[in-house]
């Protein structure tokens, strides 16, 4: 009887190990053969790429600061004071400020009022189509639509560095 139980336990253990090996191998193959297409991974825009956003005529402005936000994003809300300051500095230097939300236009307007970030140019649509992997994301874009700088996520530890770099870009 003991031999039979032991044999069954060994068989179950071997089956579990075989299943784990198959799953691990399939994940590794998928990541190798299809990089960037694994479920949950999103493409991310990088500096030097063109922002494929049809609604904005980039040539109208030498420089633009584009904020990708979401109304229920806690990192967007916690960064509101930095965004207010950046919008103020950008406006003084004739840098266009734009906000893009995956939410409705009404929700976007209410959210900007709530966090007291005075951006008038608001657009809505799927962020994935613009290669935005998460919120908040801030892009500095030139008159040709080329992204010159990218910041993703809350910048609480790097606020001064971000502020200094952007002000230098505003003045360049």
N, C-alpha and C. Protein backbone atom coordinates (compact mmCIF):
# COMPACT_ATOMS: atom_id res chain seq x y z
N UNK A 1 0.82 -1.19 0.00
CA UNK A 1 0.00 0.00 0.00
C UNK A 1 0.86 1.26 0.00
N UNK A 2 1.93 1.27 0.86
CA UNK A 2 2.82 2.42 0.91
C UNK A 2 3.49 2.66 -0.44
N UNK A 3 3.84 1.62 -1.13
CA UNK A 3 4.50 1.73 -2.41
C UNK A 3 3.57 2.36 -3.44
N UNK A 4 2.31 2.00 -3.39
CA UNK A 4 1.32 2.53 -4.32
C UNK A 4 1.10 4.03 -4.08
N UNK A 5 1.00 4.45 -2.84
CA UNK A 5 0.82 5.88 -2.50
C UNK A 5 2.06 6.66 -2.92
N UNK A 6 3.20 6.09 -2.62
CA UNK A 6 4.45 6.76 -2.99
C UNK A 6 4.55 6.93 -4.51
N UNK A 7 4.18 5.92 -5.25
CA UNK A 7 4.22 5.97 -6.71
C UNK A 7 3.27 7.05 -7.23
N UNK A 8 2.09 7.14 -6.63
CA UNK A 8 1.12 8.17 -7.04
C UNK A 8 1.64 9.58 -6.76
N UNK A 9 2.27 9.76 -5.62
CA UNK A 9 2.83 11.08 -5.26
C UNK A 9 3.93 11.45 -6.24
N UNK A 10 4.78 10.50 -6.56
CA UNK A 10 5.85 10.76 -7.52
C UNK A 10 5.29 11.11 -8.89
N UNK A 11 4.25 10.42 -9.32
CA UNK A 11 3.62 10.69 -10.61
C UNK A 11 3.03 12.11 -10.63
N UNK A 12 2.32 12.49 -9.59
CA UNK A 12 1.72 13.83 -9.51
C UNK A 12 2.83 14.89 -9.52
N UNK A 13 3.89 14.66 -8.78
CA UNK A 13 5.00 15.61 -8.74
C UNK A 13 5.64 15.75 -10.13
N UNK A 14 5.80 14.67 -10.84
CA UNK A 14 6.37 14.72 -12.18
C UNK A 14 5.46 15.48 -13.14
N UNK A 15 4.17 15.28 -13.04
CA UNK A 15 3.22 15.99 -13.89
C UNK A 15 3.26 17.49 -13.60
N UNK A 16 3.29 17.87 -12.32
CA UNK A 16 3.35 19.28 -11.93
C UNK A 16 4.65 19.92 -12.45
N UNK A 17 5.74 19.23 -12.33
CA UNK A 17 7.02 19.74 -12.83
C UNK A 17 6.98 19.89 -14.35
N UNK A 18 6.40 18.94 -15.04
CA UNK A 18 6.31 19.01 -16.50
C UNK A 18 5.45 20.19 -16.93
N UNK A 19 4.35 20.43 -16.25
CA UNK A 19 3.48 21.57 -16.57
C UNK A 19 4.23 22.89 -16.32
N UNK A 20 4.95 22.99 -15.22
CA UNK A 20 5.71 24.21 -14.91
C UNK A 20 6.77 24.46 -15.98
N UNK A 21 7.42 23.41 -16.45
CA UNK A 21 8.45 23.56 -17.49
C UNK A 21 7.81 24.04 -18.78
N UNK A 22 6.68 23.50 -19.17
CA UNK A 22 6.00 23.90 -20.40
C UNK A 22 5.57 25.37 -20.32
N UNK A 23 4.99 25.77 -19.20
CA UNK A 23 4.56 27.17 -19.03
C UNK A 23 5.76 28.11 -19.09
N UNK A 24 6.81 27.80 -18.37
CA UNK A 24 8.01 28.64 -18.36
C UNK A 24 8.61 28.74 -19.76
N UNK A 25 8.70 27.62 -20.45
CA UNK A 25 9.26 27.63 -21.81
C UNK A 25 8.40 28.46 -22.75
N UNK A 26 7.08 28.35 -22.65
CA UNK A 26 6.22 29.12 -23.55
C UNK A 26 6.33 30.62 -23.29
N UNK A 27 6.44 31.01 -22.04
CA UNK A 27 6.61 32.43 -21.72
C UNK A 27 7.94 32.94 -22.27
N UNK A 28 9.01 32.18 -22.09
CA UNK A 28 10.32 32.59 -22.60
C UNK A 28 10.32 32.69 -24.12
N UNK A 29 9.71 31.73 -24.79
CA UNK A 29 9.65 31.75 -26.25
C UNK A 29 8.84 32.96 -26.71
N UNK A 30 7.70 33.20 -26.08
CA UNK A 30 6.86 34.33 -26.47
C UNK A 30 7.60 35.66 -26.28
N UNK A 31 8.32 35.81 -25.18
CA UNK A 31 9.07 37.05 -24.93
C UNK A 31 10.23 37.21 -25.92
N UNK A 32 10.80 36.13 -26.35
CA UNK A 32 11.92 36.19 -27.29
C UNK A 32 11.45 36.42 -28.72
N UNK A 33 10.42 35.70 -29.13
CA UNK A 33 9.93 35.79 -30.50
C UNK A 33 9.09 37.04 -30.73
N UNK A 34 8.32 37.45 -29.73
CA UNK A 34 7.43 38.60 -29.85
C UNK A 34 7.72 39.63 -28.76
N UNK A 35 8.91 40.22 -28.73
CA UNK A 35 9.21 41.20 -27.68
C UNK A 35 8.28 42.40 -27.79
N UNK A 36 7.85 42.90 -26.63
CA UNK A 36 6.97 44.07 -26.61
C UNK A 36 5.53 43.75 -26.91
N UNK A 37 5.21 42.49 -27.17
CA UNK A 37 3.84 42.13 -27.47
C UNK A 37 3.26 41.16 -26.44
N UNK A 38 3.96 40.99 -25.36
CA UNK A 38 3.46 40.13 -24.30
C UNK A 38 2.29 40.85 -23.63
N UNK A 39 1.28 40.10 -23.30
CA UNK A 39 0.09 40.71 -22.70
C UNK A 39 0.47 41.61 -21.53
N UNK A 40 -0.09 42.81 -21.52
CA UNK A 40 0.19 43.75 -20.45
C UNK A 40 1.30 44.73 -20.78
N UNK A 41 2.13 44.42 -21.76
CA UNK A 41 3.19 45.35 -22.14
C UNK A 41 2.67 46.30 -23.20
N UNK A 42 3.01 47.58 -23.07
CA UNK A 42 2.56 48.57 -24.03
C UNK A 42 3.77 49.24 -24.65
N UNK A 43 3.62 49.66 -25.88
CA UNK A 43 4.73 50.41 -26.49
C UNK A 43 4.88 51.75 -25.77
N UNK A 44 6.08 52.25 -25.72
CA UNK A 44 6.36 53.51 -25.05
C UNK A 44 7.05 54.45 -26.01
N UNK A 45 6.58 55.68 -26.04
CA UNK A 45 7.21 56.67 -26.91
C UNK A 45 8.55 57.09 -26.31
N UNK A 46 9.50 57.37 -27.17
CA UNK A 46 10.83 57.76 -26.73
C UNK A 46 11.21 59.10 -27.34
N UNK A 47 12.16 59.77 -26.72
CA UNK A 47 12.68 61.01 -27.28
C UNK A 47 13.24 60.70 -28.67
N UNK A 48 12.98 61.60 -29.61
CA UNK A 48 13.43 61.43 -30.98
C UNK A 48 12.35 60.88 -31.90
N UNK A 49 11.27 60.38 -31.33
CA UNK A 49 10.16 59.86 -32.14
C UNK A 49 9.14 60.97 -32.38
N UNK A 50 8.40 60.82 -33.47
CA UNK A 50 7.32 61.77 -33.78
C UNK A 50 6.07 61.35 -33.00
N UNK A 51 5.43 62.32 -32.37
CA UNK A 51 4.18 62.07 -31.67
C UNK A 51 3.06 62.09 -32.71
N UNK A 52 2.49 60.94 -32.96
CA UNK A 52 1.48 60.79 -34.02
C UNK A 52 0.12 61.23 -33.51
N UNK A 53 -0.01 62.51 -33.28
CA UNK A 53 -1.26 63.06 -32.77
C UNK A 53 -1.82 64.01 -33.82
N UNK A 54 -2.87 63.59 -34.48
CA UNK A 54 -3.39 64.31 -35.64
C UNK A 54 -4.09 65.62 -35.28
N UNK A 55 -4.55 65.77 -34.06
CA UNK A 55 -5.37 66.93 -33.68
C UNK A 55 -4.58 68.21 -33.45
N UNK A 56 -3.28 68.13 -33.41
CA UNK A 56 -2.47 69.31 -33.09
C UNK A 56 -1.60 69.68 -34.29
N UNK A 57 -1.62 70.96 -34.63
CA UNK A 57 -0.72 71.47 -35.66
C UNK A 57 0.54 71.96 -34.93
N UNK A 58 1.53 71.08 -34.87
CA UNK A 58 2.75 71.38 -34.11
C UNK A 58 3.45 72.62 -34.64
N UNK A 59 3.36 72.88 -35.93
CA UNK A 59 4.08 74.00 -36.55
C UNK A 59 3.57 75.35 -36.05
N UNK A 60 2.37 75.40 -35.49
CA UNK A 60 1.83 76.66 -34.95
C UNK A 60 2.61 77.15 -33.74
N UNK A 61 3.30 76.24 -33.09
CA UNK A 61 4.05 76.57 -31.87
C UNK A 61 5.46 76.03 -32.00
N UNK A 62 6.40 76.81 -31.57
CA UNK A 62 7.78 76.34 -31.59
C UNK A 62 7.97 75.16 -30.63
N UNK A 63 7.28 75.25 -29.49
CA UNK A 63 7.47 74.25 -28.44
C UNK A 63 6.12 73.95 -27.79
N UNK A 64 5.94 72.70 -27.40
CA UNK A 64 4.71 72.30 -26.72
C UNK A 64 5.05 71.38 -25.56
N UNK A 65 4.26 71.51 -24.52
CA UNK A 65 4.36 70.64 -23.35
C UNK A 65 3.06 69.86 -23.28
N UNK A 66 3.15 68.54 -23.40
CA UNK A 66 1.96 67.70 -23.47
C UNK A 66 1.89 66.83 -22.22
N UNK A 67 0.77 66.96 -21.51
CA UNK A 67 0.52 66.20 -20.29
C UNK A 67 -0.48 65.10 -20.60
N UNK A 68 -0.12 63.85 -20.34
CA UNK A 68 -1.03 62.73 -20.47
C UNK A 68 -1.45 62.35 -19.06
N UNK A 69 -2.72 62.58 -18.76
CA UNK A 69 -3.24 62.40 -17.41
C UNK A 69 -4.49 61.53 -17.45
N UNK A 70 -4.92 61.10 -16.26
CA UNK A 70 -6.15 60.32 -16.13
C UNK A 70 -6.81 60.76 -14.83
N UNK A 71 -8.12 60.92 -14.86
CA UNK A 71 -8.82 61.50 -13.71
C UNK A 71 -8.66 60.70 -12.42
N UNK A 72 -8.50 59.40 -12.49
CA UNK A 72 -8.39 58.60 -11.27
C UNK A 72 -6.96 58.15 -10.99
N UNK A 73 -6.00 58.87 -11.53
CA UNK A 73 -4.59 58.53 -11.35
C UNK A 73 -4.04 59.24 -10.11
N UNK A 74 -3.69 58.50 -9.06
CA UNK A 74 -3.19 59.15 -7.84
C UNK A 74 -1.85 59.87 -8.06
N UNK A 75 -1.03 59.37 -8.98
CA UNK A 75 0.26 60.01 -9.25
C UNK A 75 0.06 61.33 -9.99
N UNK A 76 -0.96 61.40 -10.84
CA UNK A 76 -1.29 62.66 -11.52
C UNK A 76 -1.70 63.70 -10.48
N UNK A 77 -2.55 63.29 -9.55
CA UNK A 77 -3.03 64.21 -8.52
C UNK A 77 -1.90 64.66 -7.61
N UNK A 78 -1.03 63.74 -7.22
CA UNK A 78 0.06 64.12 -6.32
C UNK A 78 1.10 65.02 -7.01
N UNK A 79 1.11 65.03 -8.33
CA UNK A 79 2.05 65.87 -9.08
C UNK A 79 1.43 67.20 -9.51
N UNK A 80 0.23 67.49 -9.08
CA UNK A 80 -0.51 68.68 -9.55
C UNK A 80 0.24 69.98 -9.31
N UNK A 81 0.88 70.14 -8.16
CA UNK A 81 1.58 71.40 -7.88
C UNK A 81 2.74 71.60 -8.87
N UNK A 82 3.44 70.54 -9.22
CA UNK A 82 4.50 70.63 -10.21
C UNK A 82 3.92 71.01 -11.56
N UNK A 83 2.80 70.40 -11.94
CA UNK A 83 2.18 70.71 -13.23
C UNK A 83 1.70 72.15 -13.29
N UNK A 84 1.15 72.66 -12.18
CA UNK A 84 0.73 74.07 -12.15
C UNK A 84 1.91 74.98 -12.40
N UNK A 85 3.02 74.68 -11.75
CA UNK A 85 4.23 75.49 -11.93
C UNK A 85 4.76 75.40 -13.36
N UNK A 86 4.78 74.20 -13.92
CA UNK A 86 5.28 74.03 -15.29
C UNK A 86 4.39 74.76 -16.29
N UNK A 87 3.08 74.69 -16.11
CA UNK A 87 2.16 75.40 -17.01
C UNK A 87 2.38 76.90 -16.89
N UNK A 88 2.58 77.39 -15.68
CA UNK A 88 2.84 78.82 -15.47
C UNK A 88 4.13 79.24 -16.19
N UNK A 89 5.20 78.50 -16.01
CA UNK A 89 6.49 78.82 -16.64
C UNK A 89 6.39 78.70 -18.17
N UNK A 90 5.70 77.68 -18.64
CA UNK A 90 5.55 77.49 -20.08
C UNK A 90 4.76 78.63 -20.71
N UNK A 91 3.68 79.02 -20.07
CA UNK A 91 2.83 80.08 -20.59
C UNK A 91 3.60 81.40 -20.68
N UNK A 92 4.42 81.69 -19.68
CA UNK A 92 5.23 82.92 -19.71
C UNK A 92 6.17 82.94 -20.91
N UNK A 93 6.56 81.76 -21.39
CA UNK A 93 7.54 81.65 -22.47
C UNK A 93 6.90 81.24 -23.80
N UNK A 94 5.59 81.37 -23.91
CA UNK A 94 4.85 81.04 -25.13
C UNK A 94 5.01 79.58 -25.57
N UNK A 95 5.14 78.70 -24.60
CA UNK A 95 5.15 77.26 -24.87
C UNK A 95 3.71 76.77 -24.73
N UNK A 96 3.21 76.13 -25.75
CA UNK A 96 1.82 75.64 -25.74
C UNK A 96 1.71 74.46 -24.77
N UNK A 97 0.67 74.47 -23.95
CA UNK A 97 0.39 73.37 -23.02
C UNK A 97 -0.87 72.65 -23.47
N UNK A 98 -0.77 71.34 -23.50
CA UNK A 98 -1.86 70.49 -23.97
C UNK A 98 -2.04 69.36 -22.95
N UNK A 99 -3.29 68.99 -22.71
CA UNK A 99 -3.59 67.84 -21.86
C UNK A 99 -4.33 66.80 -22.69
N UNK A 100 -3.95 65.54 -22.52
CA UNK A 100 -4.59 64.45 -23.23
C UNK A 100 -5.05 63.43 -22.18
N UNK A 101 -6.31 63.04 -22.28
CA UNK A 101 -6.93 62.12 -21.32
C UNK A 101 -7.58 60.94 -22.04
N UNK A 102 -7.60 59.78 -21.37
CA UNK A 102 -8.39 58.67 -21.92
C UNK A 102 -9.86 58.78 -21.50
N UNK A 103 -10.17 59.77 -20.66
CA UNK A 103 -11.52 59.97 -20.14
C UNK A 103 -12.33 60.85 -21.10
N UNK A 104 -13.57 61.12 -20.73
CA UNK A 104 -14.39 62.02 -21.53
C UNK A 104 -13.87 63.45 -21.38
N UNK A 105 -14.24 64.29 -22.33
CA UNK A 105 -13.82 65.70 -22.27
C UNK A 105 -14.35 66.37 -21.01
N UNK A 106 -15.58 66.08 -20.65
CA UNK A 106 -16.17 66.67 -19.44
C UNK A 106 -15.39 66.24 -18.19
N UNK A 107 -15.07 64.94 -18.10
CA UNK A 107 -14.29 64.45 -16.96
C UNK A 107 -12.90 65.08 -16.93
N UNK A 108 -12.30 65.24 -18.10
CA UNK A 108 -10.96 65.85 -18.18
C UNK A 108 -11.00 67.29 -17.68
N UNK A 109 -11.98 68.05 -18.12
CA UNK A 109 -12.10 69.45 -17.68
C UNK A 109 -12.31 69.55 -16.17
N UNK A 110 -13.21 68.71 -15.66
CA UNK A 110 -13.47 68.71 -14.21
C UNK A 110 -12.21 68.35 -13.43
N UNK A 111 -11.48 67.36 -13.93
CA UNK A 111 -10.27 66.94 -13.23
C UNK A 111 -9.23 68.05 -13.22
N UNK A 112 -9.01 68.72 -14.35
CA UNK A 112 -8.04 69.83 -14.39
C UNK A 112 -8.47 70.96 -13.47
N UNK A 113 -9.77 71.21 -13.38
CA UNK A 113 -10.26 72.22 -12.42
C UNK A 113 -9.99 71.77 -10.99
N UNK A 114 -10.25 70.51 -10.73
CA UNK A 114 -10.05 69.95 -9.38
C UNK A 114 -8.59 70.08 -8.94
N UNK A 115 -7.65 69.76 -9.82
CA UNK A 115 -6.24 69.84 -9.44
C UNK A 115 -5.65 71.23 -9.71
N UNK A 116 -6.48 72.12 -10.23
CA UNK A 116 -6.11 73.53 -10.47
C UNK A 116 -4.93 73.68 -11.42
N UNK A 117 -4.96 72.92 -12.51
CA UNK A 117 -3.95 73.03 -13.56
C UNK A 117 -4.64 73.69 -14.76
N UNK A 118 -4.26 74.95 -15.06
CA UNK A 118 -4.97 75.73 -16.07
C UNK A 118 -4.55 75.43 -17.52
N UNK A 119 -5.00 74.30 -18.04
CA UNK A 119 -4.73 73.95 -19.43
C UNK A 119 -6.04 74.04 -20.19
N UNK A 120 -6.03 74.83 -21.25
CA UNK A 120 -7.24 75.03 -22.06
C UNK A 120 -7.36 74.02 -23.18
N UNK A 121 -6.24 73.62 -23.78
CA UNK A 121 -6.27 72.68 -24.90
C UNK A 121 -6.30 71.25 -24.36
N UNK A 122 -7.48 70.64 -24.44
CA UNK A 122 -7.70 69.31 -23.88
C UNK A 122 -8.19 68.40 -25.00
N UNK A 123 -7.59 67.23 -25.07
CA UNK A 123 -7.98 66.24 -26.06
C UNK A 123 -8.24 64.93 -25.33
N UNK A 124 -9.06 64.10 -25.93
CA UNK A 124 -9.34 62.80 -25.34
C UNK A 124 -9.16 61.70 -26.38
N UNK A 125 -8.86 60.53 -25.90
CA UNK A 125 -8.70 59.38 -26.78
C UNK A 125 -7.82 58.34 -26.13
N UNK A 126 -7.69 57.20 -26.78
CA UNK A 126 -6.87 56.12 -26.23
C UNK A 126 -5.39 56.50 -26.22
N UNK A 127 -4.77 56.41 -25.06
CA UNK A 127 -3.36 56.77 -24.93
C UNK A 127 -2.46 55.74 -25.60
N UNK A 128 -2.89 54.51 -25.65
CA UNK A 128 -2.09 53.45 -26.27
C UNK A 128 -1.77 53.78 -27.73
N UNK A 129 -2.74 54.41 -28.43
CA UNK A 129 -2.53 54.75 -29.84
C UNK A 129 -1.38 55.74 -30.02
N UNK A 130 -1.07 56.48 -28.95
CA UNK A 130 0.01 57.47 -29.00
C UNK A 130 1.30 56.94 -28.36
N UNK A 131 1.30 55.64 -28.06
CA UNK A 131 2.45 54.98 -27.42
C UNK A 131 2.72 55.52 -26.02
N UNK A 132 1.66 55.86 -25.32
CA UNK A 132 1.78 56.31 -23.94
C UNK A 132 1.46 55.11 -23.05
N UNK A 133 2.44 54.69 -22.26
CA UNK A 133 2.31 53.46 -21.49
C UNK A 133 1.67 53.65 -20.13
N UNK A 134 1.54 54.88 -19.66
CA UNK A 134 0.94 55.09 -18.35
C UNK A 134 0.83 56.57 -18.05
N UNK A 135 0.10 56.85 -16.99
CA UNK A 135 -0.06 58.23 -16.55
C UNK A 135 0.52 58.37 -15.15
N UNK A 136 1.04 59.54 -14.86
CA UNK A 136 1.22 60.67 -15.77
C UNK A 136 2.43 60.50 -16.68
N UNK A 137 2.33 61.07 -17.86
CA UNK A 137 3.45 61.17 -18.78
C UNK A 137 3.48 62.61 -19.28
N UNK A 138 4.66 63.20 -19.31
CA UNK A 138 4.83 64.57 -19.80
C UNK A 138 5.86 64.53 -20.93
N UNK A 139 5.49 65.15 -22.05
CA UNK A 139 6.37 65.20 -23.21
C UNK A 139 6.67 66.64 -23.57
N UNK A 140 7.90 66.92 -23.93
CA UNK A 140 8.29 68.19 -24.52
C UNK A 140 8.45 67.93 -26.00
N UNK A 141 7.66 68.65 -26.82
CA UNK A 141 7.59 68.37 -28.26
C UNK A 141 7.96 69.62 -29.03
N UNK A 142 8.74 69.45 -30.12
CA UNK A 142 9.15 70.60 -30.93
C UNK A 142 8.12 70.89 -32.03
N UNK A 143 8.38 71.88 -32.85
CA UNK A 143 7.43 72.34 -33.87
C UNK A 143 7.19 71.33 -34.99
N UNK A 144 8.01 70.28 -35.06
CA UNK A 144 7.80 69.25 -36.07
C UNK A 144 7.08 68.02 -35.50
N UNK A 145 6.74 68.07 -34.23
CA UNK A 145 6.08 66.93 -33.59
C UNK A 145 7.03 65.90 -33.05
N UNK A 146 8.32 66.22 -33.04
CA UNK A 146 9.31 65.30 -32.50
C UNK A 146 9.39 65.47 -30.98
N UNK A 147 9.33 64.36 -30.28
CA UNK A 147 9.44 64.37 -28.82
C UNK A 147 10.89 64.60 -28.46
N UNK A 148 11.16 65.63 -27.67
CA UNK A 148 12.52 65.95 -27.26
C UNK A 148 12.86 65.44 -25.86
N UNK A 149 11.84 65.34 -25.00
CA UNK A 149 12.06 64.82 -23.65
C UNK A 149 10.80 64.11 -23.18
N UNK A 150 10.99 63.06 -22.36
CA UNK A 150 9.88 62.25 -21.85
C UNK A 150 10.06 62.06 -20.35
N UNK A 151 8.96 62.23 -19.62
CA UNK A 151 8.94 61.90 -18.20
C UNK A 151 7.71 61.05 -17.95
N UNK A 152 7.90 59.87 -17.37
CA UNK A 152 6.80 58.95 -17.10
C UNK A 152 6.73 58.72 -15.59
N UNK A 153 5.51 58.81 -15.07
CA UNK A 153 5.29 58.54 -13.65
C UNK A 153 5.42 59.78 -12.80
N UNK A 154 5.15 59.60 -11.53
CA UNK A 154 5.27 60.70 -10.57
C UNK A 154 6.74 61.10 -10.47
N UNK A 155 6.98 62.39 -10.38
CA UNK A 155 8.35 62.89 -10.37
C UNK A 155 8.74 63.44 -9.01
N UNK A 156 8.12 62.94 -7.95
CA UNK A 156 8.34 63.52 -6.62
C UNK A 156 9.81 63.58 -6.24
N UNK A 157 10.58 62.57 -6.59
CA UNK A 157 12.01 62.58 -6.24
C UNK A 157 12.86 63.36 -7.23
N UNK A 158 12.29 63.67 -8.40
CA UNK A 158 13.05 64.32 -9.46
C UNK A 158 12.42 65.62 -9.93
N UNK A 159 11.54 66.20 -9.09
CA UNK A 159 10.82 67.41 -9.50
C UNK A 159 11.77 68.54 -9.91
N UNK A 160 12.77 68.81 -9.09
CA UNK A 160 13.67 69.92 -9.38
C UNK A 160 14.44 69.68 -10.68
N UNK A 161 14.90 68.46 -10.86
CA UNK A 161 15.62 68.11 -12.09
C UNK A 161 14.72 68.29 -13.32
N UNK A 162 13.47 67.81 -13.21
CA UNK A 162 12.52 67.94 -14.32
C UNK A 162 12.23 69.41 -14.59
N UNK A 163 11.97 70.17 -13.53
CA UNK A 163 11.68 71.60 -13.65
C UNK A 163 12.83 72.33 -14.32
N UNK A 164 14.05 72.07 -13.86
CA UNK A 164 15.23 72.75 -14.42
C UNK A 164 15.42 72.41 -15.90
N UNK A 165 15.27 71.13 -16.23
CA UNK A 165 15.45 70.73 -17.62
C UNK A 165 14.39 71.36 -18.53
N UNK A 166 13.14 71.36 -18.06
CA UNK A 166 12.08 71.94 -18.88
C UNK A 166 12.24 73.45 -19.05
N UNK A 167 12.57 74.14 -17.99
CA UNK A 167 12.77 75.59 -18.10
C UNK A 167 13.90 75.88 -19.08
N UNK A 168 14.96 75.09 -19.02
CA UNK A 168 16.06 75.27 -19.99
C UNK A 168 15.57 75.00 -21.42
N UNK A 169 14.72 73.98 -21.60
CA UNK A 169 14.17 73.72 -22.92
C UNK A 169 13.22 74.83 -23.37
N UNK A 170 12.45 75.38 -22.43
CA UNK A 170 11.56 76.50 -22.76
C UNK A 170 12.36 77.67 -23.29
N UNK A 171 13.51 77.91 -22.66
CA UNK A 171 14.32 79.09 -23.01
C UNK A 171 15.25 78.85 -24.19
N UNK A 172 15.40 77.62 -24.64
CA UNK A 172 16.34 77.34 -25.72
C UNK A 172 15.81 77.77 -27.08
